[in-house]
Structure formats: structure tokens, C-alpha cells
Amino acid sequence: MATVQLVKPRRFGDARGWFSETYSRRAYEALGIGPEFVQDNHSMSAAIGTLRGLHFQVPPHGQGKLVRCTAGAIMDYALDIRHGSPTYGRWLSAELTAENGYQLWVPVGFAHAFVTLAPNTEVIYKVTDYYAPECDSGVRWDSVGIEWPLPLGGPVLSDKDRALPTLAELESPFPYDGEPLPERLA
């Protein structure tokens, strides 16, 4: 299984605009991203500073996510929560925008979050398992040492995200698979 990766799909432009192949099973398998995607999710966040996460689903319905921003901009995060991992508790981030077209692959065993950097931001992500409310979980956003790019008033949060446990309280159900989190995203 591939670790967290930043994917930069090619864009072909002309006077009309641009075209990009945003997913090809063959191309993603070549990158080591080979699981089957079973569901696409689409969110819209009206306010700058909307923070969604840090979310994951526990087994047997763990979800890998391929995330992209289709309107506006986000700072996207993946947090290593695999017990026994030498990079447990470390995180990586990437700015995903409608303009750059980048995608972040967040495999099972990582918590995922993003914060909006522009109003009316839309995010679409493919997932490797169906939403299972009984497996829904997460880590509180302010317990992992991330310096979030937030407005002065702080984040816009859901009640659910405010009530998530801290990283210190987490008993991770995800084993380390032998592939540490990279130092940085290429």
C-alpha cells in the first residue's frame, strides 16, 4: 500500500481553457495507489477557516481517500495514526486549489482534515470503502501540533469535530504496515 502522496495530474491548455485526466486506474496503480474506489464525496464550505477533520473510519470499513479541490483552496492534512509507526503522530500537508489541480492520497491508517483558504470552497474525494456511521471516528484538530492557517476568529467547526478525542486518547486500530510517512511531499 502506498503512503501519503501528492499527485499532480497534467493539464493540457489552449485558448478555451484546459483539460485534465483526474483519475485513471492504470496511472494511479503505477504510483502504487491501487485500491478500488467505491464512493465519491463532495463538500462545499462557505466560510474561510472552515475546518473539517481530523476524520477516519475504523476497520472493517477503513477508508483511503483521494482528495482534490474543485473550487477555491484548502490546506489538506494527513496524520499518521498507525500504532507502531516510527512516524506516528506526524503529519504532512499540501495546498490543493482549483487552480493547481493537485490531489492528495490519504491511505487507510491516516486521519484526514482540511481547512478552507477561500470562500465557497468545494472538495471532492474518492474513497475506498462506503461510509459506515458505526465506524466513524476522528482526532481533535487542536491536539496534534498543527499550526492551522486560520483567521483571527479561529476555525468554523461542526459540533462533532469539537467533541472528538485527542490524539493522546486515541487507541489506534491501525497496524503499522512498514511504510513510514515520507519526510515531505514531492
C-alpha atoms as a PDB file:
ATOM      1  CA  MET A   1       0.000   0.000   0.000  1.00  0.00           C
ATOM      2  CA  ALA A   2       1.346   3.427  -0.896  1.00  0.00           C
ATOM      3  CA  THR A   3       1.851   6.017   1.791  1.00  0.00           C
ATOM      4  CA  VAL A   4       0.583   9.611   1.645  1.00  0.00           C
ATOM      5  CA  GLN A   5       1.317  11.081  -1.785  1.00  0.00           C
ATOM      6  CA  LEU A   6       0.800  14.362  -3.589  1.00  0.00           C
ATOM      7  CA  VAL A   7      -0.420  13.695  -7.132  1.00  0.00           C
ATOM      8  CA  LYS A   8      -0.057  16.392  -9.792  1.00  0.00           C
ATOM      9  CA  PRO A   9      -2.251  15.464 -12.773  1.00  0.00           C
ATOM     10  CA  ARG A  10      -1.167  17.020 -16.062  1.00  0.00           C
ATOM     11  CA  ARG A  11      -3.264  19.767 -17.591  1.00  0.00           C
ATOM     12  CA  PHE A  12      -3.451  20.494 -21.295  1.00  0.00           C
ATOM     13  CA  GLY A  13      -4.486  24.060 -22.061  1.00  0.00           C
ATOM     14  CA  ASP A  14      -5.390  26.189 -25.010  1.00  0.00           C
ATOM     15  CA  ALA A  15      -7.468  29.310 -25.683  1.00  0.00           C
ATOM     16  CA  ARG A  16     -10.617  27.512 -24.448  1.00  0.00           C
ATOM     17  CA  GLY A  17      -9.192  26.606 -21.051  1.00  0.00           C
ATOM     18  CA  TRP A  18      -7.715  23.264 -20.007  1.00  0.00           C
ATOM     19  CA  PHE A  19      -8.323  19.504 -19.858  1.00  0.00           C
ATOM     20  CA  SER A  20      -7.052  17.106 -17.180  1.00  0.00           C
ATOM     21  CA  GLU A  21      -7.449  13.393 -16.602  1.00  0.00           C
ATOM     22  CA  THR A  22      -8.219  13.435 -12.863  1.00  0.00           C
ATOM     23  CA  TYR A  23      -8.257   9.661 -12.388  1.00  0.00           C
ATOM     24  CA  SER A  24      -7.047   6.688 -14.399  1.00  0.00           C
ATOM     25  CA  ARG A  25      -6.793   3.351 -12.627  1.00  0.00           C
ATOM     26  CA  ARG A  26      -3.748   2.402 -14.705  1.00  0.00           C
ATOM     27  CA  ALA A  27      -1.878   5.659 -13.936  1.00  0.00           C
ATOM     28  CA  TYR A  28      -2.668   5.515 -10.210  1.00  0.00           C
ATOM     29  CA  GLU A  29      -1.689   1.852  -9.946  1.00  0.00           C
ATOM     30  CA  ALA A  30       1.681   2.846 -11.430  1.00  0.00           C
ATOM     31  CA  LEU A  31       2.023   5.289  -8.499  1.00  0.00           C
ATOM     32  CA  GLY A  32       1.232   2.495  -6.024  1.00  0.00           C
ATOM     33  CA  ILE A  33      -2.337   3.726  -5.473  1.00  0.00           C
ATOM     34  CA  GLY A  34      -4.290   0.647  -6.467  1.00  0.00           C
ATOM     35  CA  PRO A  35      -7.369   0.168  -4.301  1.00  0.00           C
ATOM     36  CA  GLU A  36     -10.820   0.238  -5.804  1.00  0.00           C
ATOM     37  CA  PHE A  37     -12.780   3.409  -5.169  1.00  0.00           C
ATOM     38  CA  VAL A  38     -16.435   2.803  -4.267  1.00  0.00           C
ATOM     39  CA  GLN A  39     -17.859   6.248  -3.473  1.00  0.00           C
ATOM     40  CA  ASP A  40     -17.286   9.908  -4.355  1.00  0.00           C
ATOM     41  CA  ASN A  41     -17.991  12.637  -1.784  1.00  0.00           C
ATOM     42  CA  HIS A  42     -18.414  16.361  -2.475  1.00  0.00           C
ATOM     43  CA  SER A  43     -18.417  19.121   0.139  1.00  0.00           C
ATOM     44  CA  MET A  44     -18.859  22.887  -0.044  1.00  0.00           C
ATOM     45  CA  SER A  45     -17.642  25.150   2.734  1.00  0.00           C
ATOM     46  CA  ALA A  46     -18.921  28.724   2.643  1.00  0.00           C
ATOM     47  CA  ALA A  47     -16.516  30.422   5.064  1.00  0.00           C
ATOM     48  CA  ILE A  48     -12.744  30.809   5.054  1.00  0.00           C
ATOM     49  CA  GLY A  49     -11.360  28.878   8.036  1.00  0.00           C
ATOM     50  CA  THR A  50     -13.857  26.022   7.864  1.00  0.00           C
ATOM     51  CA  LEU A  51     -12.017  23.045   9.330  1.00  0.00           C
ATOM     52  CA  ARG A  52     -13.255  19.526   8.603  1.00  0.00           C
ATOM     53  CA  GLY A  53     -11.446  16.762  10.450  1.00  0.00           C
ATOM     54  CA  LEU A  54      -9.351  15.032  11.536  1.00  0.00           C
ATOM     55  CA  HIS A  55     -11.517  12.112  10.352  1.00  0.00           C
ATOM     56  CA  PHE A  56     -11.107   8.404   9.656  1.00  0.00           C
ATOM     57  CA  GLN A  57     -13.154   5.204   9.697  1.00  0.00           C
ATOM     58  CA  VAL A  58     -12.056   2.233  11.813  1.00  0.00           C
ATOM     59  CA  PRO A  59     -11.874  -1.347  10.494  1.00  0.00           C
ATOM     60  CA  PRO A  60     -13.569  -3.153   8.968  1.00  0.00           C
ATOM     61  CA  HIS A  61     -14.519  -0.018   6.999  1.00  0.00           C
ATOM     62  CA  GLY A  62     -11.268   1.954   6.896  1.00  0.00           C
ATOM     63  CA  GLN A  63     -11.217   4.448   4.034  1.00  0.00           C
ATOM     64  CA  GLY A  64      -8.403   5.556   1.792  1.00  0.00           C
ATOM     65  CA  LYS A  65      -9.158   8.982   0.266  1.00  0.00           C
ATOM     66  CA  LEU A  66      -8.057  10.663  -2.948  1.00  0.00           C
ATOM     67  CA  VAL A  67      -8.801  14.355  -2.314  1.00  0.00           C
ATOM     68  CA  ARG A  68      -8.982  17.297  -4.725  1.00  0.00           C
ATOM     69  CA  CYS A  69     -10.277  20.858  -4.563  1.00  0.00           C
ATOM     70  CA  THR A  70     -12.556  21.883  -7.431  1.00  0.00           C
ATOM     71  CA  ALA A  71     -13.402  25.453  -6.347  1.00  0.00           C
ATOM     72  CA  GLY A  72     -11.408  27.715  -4.039  1.00  0.00           C
ATOM     73  CA  ALA A  73      -8.473  26.417  -1.989  1.00  0.00           C
ATOM     74  CA  ILE A  74      -7.675  24.221   1.002  1.00  0.00           C
ATOM     75  CA  MET A  75      -4.725  23.213   3.104  1.00  0.00           C
ATOM     76  CA  ASP A  76      -5.107  19.436   3.245  1.00  0.00           C
ATOM     77  CA  TYR A  77      -3.624  17.235   6.008  1.00  0.00           C
ATOM     78  CA  ALA A  78      -2.821  13.574   6.617  1.00  0.00           C
ATOM     79  CA  LEU A  79      -1.917  12.449  10.164  1.00  0.00           C
ATOM     80  CA  ASP A  80      -0.187   9.095  10.754  1.00  0.00           C
ATOM     81  CA  ILE A  81      -2.241   7.123  13.317  1.00  0.00           C
ATOM     82  CA  ARG A  82      -0.809   3.619  12.687  1.00  0.00           C
ATOM     83  CA  HIS A  83       0.278   2.143  16.043  1.00  0.00           C
ATOM     84  CA  GLY A  84       3.912   1.103  15.992  1.00  0.00           C
ATOM     85  CA  SER A  85       4.749   3.506  13.165  1.00  0.00           C
ATOM     86  CA  PRO A  86       8.018   5.413  13.603  1.00  0.00           C
ATOM     87  CA  THR A  87       6.122   8.429  12.235  1.00  0.00           C
ATOM     88  CA  TYR A  88       3.042   8.044  14.482  1.00  0.00           C
ATOM     89  CA  GLY A  89       1.548  11.471  15.236  1.00  0.00           C
ATOM     90  CA  ARG A  90       3.431  13.165  12.384  1.00  0.00           C
ATOM     91  CA  TRP A  91       1.508  14.896   9.660  1.00  0.00           C
ATOM     92  CA  LEU A  92       2.004  16.208   6.147  1.00  0.00           C
ATOM     93  CA  SER A  93       0.083  18.928   4.360  1.00  0.00           C
ATOM     94  CA  ALA A  94      -0.381  20.242   0.843  1.00  0.00           C
ATOM     95  CA  GLU A  95      -2.231  23.187  -0.609  1.00  0.00           C
ATOM     96  CA  LEU A  96      -4.876  21.931  -3.017  1.00  0.00           C
ATOM     97  CA  THR A  97      -6.579  24.517  -5.191  1.00  0.00           C
ATOM     98  CA  ALA A  98      -8.933  24.574  -8.137  1.00  0.00           C
ATOM     99  CA  GLU A  99      -6.122  26.329  -9.985  1.00  0.00           C
ATOM    100  CA  ASN A 100      -3.288  23.833  -9.338  1.00  0.00           C
ATOM    101  CA  GLY A 101      -5.440  20.684  -9.667  1.00  0.00           C
ATOM    102  CA  TYR A 102      -3.266  18.724  -7.208  1.00  0.00           C
ATOM    103  CA  GLN A 103      -4.631  15.721  -5.328  1.00  0.00           C
ATOM    104  CA  LEU A 104      -3.661  14.165  -2.003  1.00  0.00           C
ATOM    105  CA  TRP A 105      -3.762  10.393  -1.490  1.00  0.00           C
ATOM    106  CA  VAL A 106      -4.531   9.600   2.171  1.00  0.00           C
ATOM    107  CA  PRO A 107      -4.389   5.823   2.754  1.00  0.00           C
ATOM    108  CA  VAL A 108      -6.119   3.803   5.469  1.00  0.00           C
ATOM    109  CA  GLY A 109      -4.300   4.354   8.763  1.00  0.00           C
ATOM    110  CA  PHE A 110      -4.171   8.129   8.440  1.00  0.00           C
ATOM    111  CA  ALA A 111      -6.588  10.733   9.781  1.00  0.00           C
ATOM    112  CA  HIS A 112      -7.597  13.374   7.249  1.00  0.00           C
ATOM    113  CA  ALA A 113      -8.535  17.039   7.598  1.00  0.00           C
ATOM    114  CA  PHE A 114      -8.638  20.225   5.608  1.00  0.00           C
ATOM    115  CA  VAL A 115      -9.133  23.905   6.287  1.00  0.00           C
ATOM    116  CA  THR A 116     -10.535  26.278   3.685  1.00  0.00           C
ATOM    117  CA  LEU A 117      -8.404  29.166   2.441  1.00  0.00           C
ATOM    118  CA  ALA A 118     -11.072  30.754   0.218  1.00  0.00           C
ATOM    119  CA  PRO A 119     -14.837  31.264   0.455  1.00  0.00           C
ATOM    120  CA  ASN A 120     -17.216  28.808  -1.199  1.00  0.00           C
ATOM    121  CA  THR A 121     -14.597  26.100  -1.468  1.00  0.00           C
ATOM    122  CA  GLU A 122     -15.589  22.741  -2.926  1.00  0.00           C
ATOM    123  CA  VAL A 123     -13.762  19.478  -2.284  1.00  0.00           C
ATOM    124  CA  ILE A 124     -14.340  16.148  -3.996  1.00  0.00           C
ATOM    125  CA  TYR A 125     -12.799  12.933  -2.754  1.00  0.00           C
ATOM    126  CA  LYS A 126     -12.919   9.328  -3.833  1.00  0.00           C
ATOM    127  CA  VAL A 127     -12.994   6.733  -1.036  1.00  0.00           C
ATOM    128  CA  THR A 128     -12.121   3.053  -0.879  1.00  0.00           C
ATOM    129  CA  ASP A 129     -14.987   1.980   1.387  1.00  0.00           C
ATOM    130  CA  TYR A 130     -18.549   3.117   1.936  1.00  0.00           C
ATOM    131  CA  TYR A 131     -19.486   5.488   4.726  1.00  0.00           C
ATOM    132  CA  ALA A 132     -20.222   3.426   7.833  1.00  0.00           C
ATOM    133  CA  PRO A 133     -21.528   5.597  10.694  1.00  0.00           C
ATOM    134  CA  GLU A 134     -20.699   2.924  13.292  1.00  0.00           C
ATOM    135  CA  CYS A 135     -17.020   3.123  12.192  1.00  0.00           C
ATOM    136  CA  ASP A 136     -16.826   6.916  12.018  1.00  0.00           C
ATOM    137  CA  SER A 137     -14.067   8.361  14.203  1.00  0.00           C
ATOM    138  CA  GLY A 138     -11.504  11.110  14.451  1.00  0.00           C
ATOM    139  CA  VAL A 139      -8.942  13.092  16.392  1.00  0.00           C
ATOM    140  CA  ARG A 140      -9.494  16.604  17.739  1.00  0.00           C
ATOM    141  CA  TRP A 141      -7.933  19.217  15.486  1.00  0.00           C
ATOM    142  CA  ASP A 142      -6.076  21.102  18.243  1.00  0.00           C
ATOM    143  CA  SER A 143      -4.364  18.050  19.788  1.00  0.00           C
ATOM    144  CA  VAL A 144      -1.750  17.247  17.137  1.00  0.00           C
ATOM    145  CA  GLY A 145       0.511  20.304  16.912  1.00  0.00           C
ATOM    146  CA  ILE A 146      -0.629  21.579  13.526  1.00  0.00           C
ATOM    147  CA  GLU A 147      -0.321  25.329  13.036  1.00  0.00           C
ATOM    148  CA  TRP A 148      -3.510  25.699  11.025  1.00  0.00           C
ATOM    149  CA  PRO A 149      -3.803  28.712   8.684  1.00  0.00           C
ATOM    150  CA  LEU A 150      -6.861  30.118  10.445  1.00  0.00           C
ATOM    151  CA  PRO A 151      -8.498  33.553  10.525  1.00  0.00           C
ATOM    152  CA  LEU A 152      -8.273  35.543  13.774  1.00  0.00           C
ATOM    153  CA  GLY A 153     -11.669  34.275  14.950  1.00  0.00           C
ATOM    154  CA  GLY A 154     -10.497  30.659  14.827  1.00  0.00           C
ATOM    155  CA  PRO A 155     -11.950  27.748  12.881  1.00  0.00           C
ATOM    156  CA  VAL A 156     -15.522  27.116  11.818  1.00  0.00           C
ATOM    157  CA  LEU A 157     -16.175  23.648  13.290  1.00  0.00           C
ATOM    158  CA  SER A 158     -19.011  21.169  13.499  1.00  0.00           C
ATOM    159  CA  ASP A 159     -20.214  20.078  16.948  1.00  0.00           C
ATOM    160  CA  LYS A 160     -18.976  16.578  16.058  1.00  0.00           C
ATOM    161  CA  ASP A 161     -15.431  17.822  15.379  1.00  0.00           C
ATOM    162  CA  ARG A 162     -15.363  19.825  18.636  1.00  0.00           C
ATOM    163  CA  ALA A 163     -16.124  16.631  20.597  1.00  0.00           C
ATOM    164  CA  LEU A 164     -13.524  14.312  19.024  1.00  0.00           C
ATOM    165  CA  PRO A 165     -10.934  12.735  21.355  1.00  0.00           C
ATOM    166  CA  THR A 166      -7.360  13.997  21.462  1.00  0.00           C
ATOM    167  CA  LEU A 167      -4.503  12.136  19.810  1.00  0.00           C
ATOM    168  CA  ALA A 168      -3.251  11.169  23.302  1.00  0.00           C
ATOM    169  CA  GLU A 169      -6.636   9.497  23.985  1.00  0.00           C
ATOM    170  CA  LEU A 170      -6.662   7.555  20.702  1.00  0.00           C
ATOM    171  CA  GLU A 171      -6.257   3.777  20.775  1.00  0.00           C
ATOM    172  CA  SER A 172      -5.422   3.242  17.135  1.00  0.00           C
ATOM    173  CA  PRO A 173      -6.934   0.199  15.420  1.00  0.00           C
ATOM    174  CA  PHE A 174      -4.459   0.537  12.522  1.00  0.00           C
ATOM    175  CA  PRO A 175      -1.234  -1.514  12.493  1.00  0.00           C
ATOM    176  CA  TYR A 176       1.963  -0.141  11.010  1.00  0.00           C
ATOM    177  CA  ASP A 177       2.432  -1.559   7.507  1.00  0.00           C
ATOM    178  CA  GLY A 178       6.178  -0.995   7.244  1.00  0.00           C
ATOM    179  CA  GLU A 179       5.986   2.172   5.163  1.00  0.00           C
ATOM    180  CA  PRO A 180       6.777   5.333   7.151  1.00  0.00           C
ATOM    181  CA  LEU A 181       5.341   8.714   6.335  1.00  0.00           C
ATOM    182  CA  PRO A 182       7.695  10.491   3.924  1.00  0.00           C
ATOM    183  CA  GLU A 183       9.676  13.490   5.175  1.00  0.00           C
ATOM    184  CA  ARG A 184       7.805  15.746   2.722  1.00  0.00           C
ATOM    185  CA  LEU A 185       5.538  15.553  -0.276  1.00  0.00           C
ATOM    186  CA  ALA A 186       7.114  15.737  -3.716  1.00  0.00           C
END
